[in-house]
Amino acid sequence: MDMPLQHSHHEVLKSMKRPFIEEKIEDLLLRMRKTIPDLVLRTTFIVGFPGETDEHFDHLCDFVKRHKFEHLGVFTYSKEEGTPAGDTKEQVAHRVKVKRRKELMTIQQDIVKENNEKLLGKVMPMFVEGVIPDKQQVYGRTYRDAPEIDGFTSVKGVAEPGDIVNVKINRVRTYDTYGEII
């Protein structure tokens, strides 16, 4: 499920003119995790929005650590002339935005690896996207992954593009999983 949250701190959300209330977001995420088995959450955040302080950014990092999103994208704010945010004097320095993006993505890499390690030994369907014939391998996506933006699954076995095969995951890297067709 894709939920473009943009930020976690109510002051930044208010500046972005986002109608989210952080307590409601927290409650919704917890209820979804509790009631939907095998839920895969994807979100995006913007760092360096005008007025974002170190405290706001720390709040966002803690939020990401708490909710352990399966997939997360981080963008740095880009100033656009003629917009309320672009016209404010509280711009965040470019180097700070880049540093924050890198820090949040480092946190997310650890979360993704931890989440993927929970898949070891599991069997799941995979949509075959391509074949590596000389290695008798195929690669594709499970229900957890979107094309072009997420990792892939590579498995030993023979299948054709377009097939859906059951795969057992037996190895993981940060963003990618590996296994065999069963």
Foldseek 3Di string as FASTA:
>chain_A
DEDAPQFQDPVVCVVVVHPDDNVVVVVVLVVCPVPPPPDAYEYEYEPQQQPQDPVRLVVRLVVCLVRLHLYYYYHYDDADPPDPSNPDPRGDDPVVRVVSRVVSVVSNLVSNQVVVVVQAFPKFKFQWAAADVVQQKTKGGTPNDDPPRFEIEMEHHDDDHRDIFIWHWHDDDSGYTYTYTD
